[in-house]
Amino acid sequence: EETNDSEYVKRLYIKSKYLPPPGNNEVEERLWQFCKEVEGMVEKNQSNQRGATNLNTLQQQLLRTLKNHPEVVIFLTDKNLGPTIIEQEEYVKRALQDHLGD
C-alpha cells in the first residue's frame, strides 16, 4: 500500500528492534553536541514568533486590507508558486467547475 509520498513503498520496510552498537566516544559526543545545537536552534526559531518583514508599511497595510476583504480569497498555490488572490465569486465558480463539473 502506497502513501502520498511517491518514493515510499510501505511493503519495502520491515519493523525491527535492531539497535546499532554505539560509535566510539568521540563520535557519540559530537553527535550529542550536534543534536543539542539543532534543538537550541529550533527552540530559538519557535520563540521568534514573527521575524522581520520584507514588506514596507504600505504593502503591509494593503495585505491586511486584502486579507480582511470579504469579496476576495487568498490562498497558497500548489507546486510552491506562492500565494494568490482571486475574487470569491470566481473562486467558487472555478471550484465547482473543477471538482463537480464534467
C-alpha atoms as a PDB file:
ATOM      1  CA  GLU A   1       0.000   0.000   0.000  1.00  0.00           C
ATOM      2  CA  GLU A   2       1.490   3.347  -1.039  1.00  0.00           C
ATOM      3  CA  THR A   3       1.064   6.719   0.656  1.00  0.00           C
ATOM      4  CA  ASN A   4       1.026  10.180  -0.916  1.00  0.00           C
ATOM      5  CA  ASP A   5       4.842  10.176  -0.983  1.00  0.00           C
ATOM      6  CA  SER A   6       5.623   8.541  -4.319  1.00  0.00           C
ATOM      7  CA  GLU A   7       9.027   7.256  -3.133  1.00  0.00           C
ATOM      8  CA  TYR A   8       7.706   5.495  -0.008  1.00  0.00           C
ATOM      9  CA  VAL A   9       6.524   1.922  -0.508  1.00  0.00           C
ATOM     10  CA  LYS A  10       5.257   0.506   2.787  1.00  0.00           C
ATOM     11  CA  ARG A  11       5.861  -3.133   1.780  1.00  0.00           C
ATOM     12  CA  LEU A  12       9.596  -2.464   1.441  1.00  0.00           C
ATOM     13  CA  TYR A  13      10.016  -1.559   5.113  1.00  0.00           C
ATOM     14  CA  ILE A  14      10.151  -4.140   7.883  1.00  0.00           C
ATOM     15  CA  LYS A  15       9.754  -3.218  11.544  1.00  0.00           C
ATOM     16  CA  SER A  16      12.834  -4.091  13.510  1.00  0.00           C
ATOM     17  CA  LYS A  17      14.013  -3.810  17.093  1.00  0.00           C
ATOM     18  CA  TYR A  18      17.652  -3.763  15.990  1.00  0.00           C
ATOM     19  CA  LEU A  19      19.739  -1.014  17.564  1.00  0.00           C
ATOM     20  CA  PRO A  20      23.191  -0.470  16.096  1.00  0.00           C
ATOM     21  CA  PRO A  21      26.067  -0.519  18.563  1.00  0.00           C
ATOM     22  CA  PRO A  22      27.209   2.904  19.768  1.00  0.00           C
ATOM     23  CA  GLY A  23      30.114   4.551  17.990  1.00  0.00           C
ATOM     24  CA  ASN A  24      33.331   5.447  19.721  1.00  0.00           C
ATOM     25  CA  ASN A  25      33.166   8.126  22.423  1.00  0.00           C
ATOM     26  CA  GLU A  26      34.265  10.967  20.141  1.00  0.00           C
ATOM     27  CA  VAL A  27      31.575  10.180  17.556  1.00  0.00           C
ATOM     28  CA  GLU A  28      28.868   9.828  20.209  1.00  0.00           C
ATOM     29  CA  GLU A  29      29.927  13.104  21.891  1.00  0.00           C
ATOM     30  CA  ARG A  30      29.903  15.033  18.611  1.00  0.00           C
ATOM     31  CA  LEU A  31      26.536  13.559  17.675  1.00  0.00           C
ATOM     32  CA  TRP A  32      25.129  14.561  21.079  1.00  0.00           C
ATOM     33  CA  GLN A  33      26.523  18.108  20.691  1.00  0.00           C
ATOM     34  CA  PHE A  34      25.055  18.361  17.190  1.00  0.00           C
ATOM     35  CA  CYS A  35      21.616  17.276  18.455  1.00  0.00           C
ATOM     36  CA  LYS A  36      21.747  19.838  21.275  1.00  0.00           C
ATOM     37  CA  GLU A  37      22.702  22.629  18.845  1.00  0.00           C
ATOM     38  CA  VAL A  38      19.847  21.721  16.497  1.00  0.00           C
ATOM     39  CA  GLU A  39      17.379  21.598  19.410  1.00  0.00           C
ATOM     40  CA  GLY A  40      18.601  25.039  20.505  1.00  0.00           C
ATOM     41  CA  MET A  41      18.136  26.459  17.013  1.00  0.00           C
ATOM     42  CA  VAL A  42      14.618  25.001  16.787  1.00  0.00           C
ATOM     43  CA  GLU A  43      13.677  26.462  20.183  1.00  0.00           C
ATOM     44  CA  LYS A  44      15.118  29.843  19.219  1.00  0.00           C
ATOM     45  CA  ASN A  45      13.246  29.789  15.914  1.00  0.00           C
ATOM     46  CA  GLN A  46       9.978  28.848  17.632  1.00  0.00           C
ATOM     47  CA  SER A  47      10.392  31.592  20.226  1.00  0.00           C
ATOM     48  CA  ASN A  48      10.713  34.216  17.490  1.00  0.00           C
ATOM     49  CA  GLN A  49       7.021  34.448  16.784  1.00  0.00           C
ATOM     50  CA  ARG A  50       7.449  36.897  13.969  1.00  0.00           C
ATOM     51  CA  GLY A  51      10.593  37.690  12.125  1.00  0.00           C
ATOM     52  CA  ALA A  52      11.475  40.883  10.344  1.00  0.00           C
ATOM     53  CA  THR A  53       9.265  41.605   7.365  1.00  0.00           C
ATOM     54  CA  ASN A  54      10.481  42.425   3.897  1.00  0.00           C
ATOM     55  CA  LEU A  55       7.343  44.468   3.176  1.00  0.00           C
ATOM     56  CA  ASN A  56       7.161  48.225   3.564  1.00  0.00           C
ATOM     57  CA  THR A  57       4.383  49.833   5.601  1.00  0.00           C
ATOM     58  CA  LEU A  58       2.116  50.469   2.606  1.00  0.00           C
ATOM     59  CA  GLN A  59       2.466  46.860   1.430  1.00  0.00           C
ATOM     60  CA  GLN A  60       1.674  45.562   4.934  1.00  0.00           C
ATOM     61  CA  GLN A  61      -1.458  47.730   5.109  1.00  0.00           C
ATOM     62  CA  LEU A  62      -2.565  46.593   1.650  1.00  0.00           C
ATOM     63  CA  LEU A  63      -2.048  42.943   2.579  1.00  0.00           C
ATOM     64  CA  ARG A  64      -4.102  43.356   5.784  1.00  0.00           C
ATOM     65  CA  THR A  65      -6.875  45.086   3.819  1.00  0.00           C
ATOM     66  CA  LEU A  66      -6.999  42.315   1.221  1.00  0.00           C
ATOM     67  CA  LYS A  67      -6.836  39.605   3.881  1.00  0.00           C
ATOM     68  CA  ASN A  68      -9.908  41.061   5.644  1.00  0.00           C
ATOM     69  CA  HIS A  69     -11.854  41.866   2.458  1.00  0.00           C
ATOM     70  CA  PRO A  70     -14.998  39.707   2.258  1.00  0.00           C
ATOM     71  CA  GLU A  71     -15.031  39.524  -1.559  1.00  0.00           C
ATOM     72  CA  VAL A  72     -11.553  38.051  -2.096  1.00  0.00           C
ATOM     73  CA  VAL A  73      -9.874  34.767  -1.222  1.00  0.00           C
ATOM     74  CA  ILE A  74      -6.121  34.462  -0.640  1.00  0.00           C
ATOM     75  CA  PHE A  75      -4.523  31.009  -0.632  1.00  0.00           C
ATOM     76  CA  LEU A  76      -1.265  29.237  -1.381  1.00  0.00           C
ATOM     77  CA  THR A  77      -0.896  27.685  -4.788  1.00  0.00           C
ATOM     78  CA  ASP A  78       0.406  24.206  -5.409  1.00  0.00           C
ATOM     79  CA  LYS A  79       3.923  23.463  -6.650  1.00  0.00           C
ATOM     80  CA  ASN A  80       5.274  26.101  -4.237  1.00  0.00           C
ATOM     81  CA  LEU A  81       4.368  29.012  -6.529  1.00  0.00           C
ATOM     82  CA  GLY A  82       3.394  31.242  -3.603  1.00  0.00           C
ATOM     83  CA  PRO A  83       0.168  32.954  -2.613  1.00  0.00           C
ATOM     84  CA  THR A  84      -2.572  34.015  -5.000  1.00  0.00           C
ATOM     85  CA  ILE A  85      -5.620  36.228  -4.699  1.00  0.00           C
ATOM     86  CA  ILE A  86      -8.930  35.753  -6.503  1.00  0.00           C
ATOM     87  CA  GLU A  87     -12.438  37.165  -6.205  1.00  0.00           C
ATOM     88  CA  GLN A  88     -14.591  34.907  -4.059  1.00  0.00           C
ATOM     89  CA  GLU A  89     -17.263  34.545  -6.750  1.00  0.00           C
ATOM     90  CA  GLU A  90     -14.683  33.409  -9.320  1.00  0.00           C
ATOM     91  CA  TYR A  91     -13.082  31.077  -6.752  1.00  0.00           C
ATOM     92  CA  VAL A  92     -16.397  29.340  -6.038  1.00  0.00           C
ATOM     93  CA  LYS A  93     -17.210  29.140  -9.758  1.00  0.00           C
ATOM     94  CA  ARG A  94     -13.858  27.511 -10.572  1.00  0.00           C
ATOM     95  CA  ALA A  95     -14.069  25.161  -7.601  1.00  0.00           C
ATOM     96  CA  LEU A  96     -17.474  23.926  -8.732  1.00  0.00           C
ATOM     97  CA  GLN A  97     -16.305  23.534 -12.327  1.00  0.00           C
ATOM     98  CA  ASP A  98     -13.063  21.744 -11.397  1.00  0.00           C
ATOM     99  CA  HIS A  99     -14.481  19.436  -8.741  1.00  0.00           C
ATOM    100  CA  LEU A 100     -18.076  18.893  -9.750  1.00  0.00           C
ATOM    101  CA  GLY A 101     -18.018  19.565 -13.478  1.00  0.00           C
ATOM    102  CA  ASP A 102     -17.727  17.002 -16.245  1.00  0.00           C
END
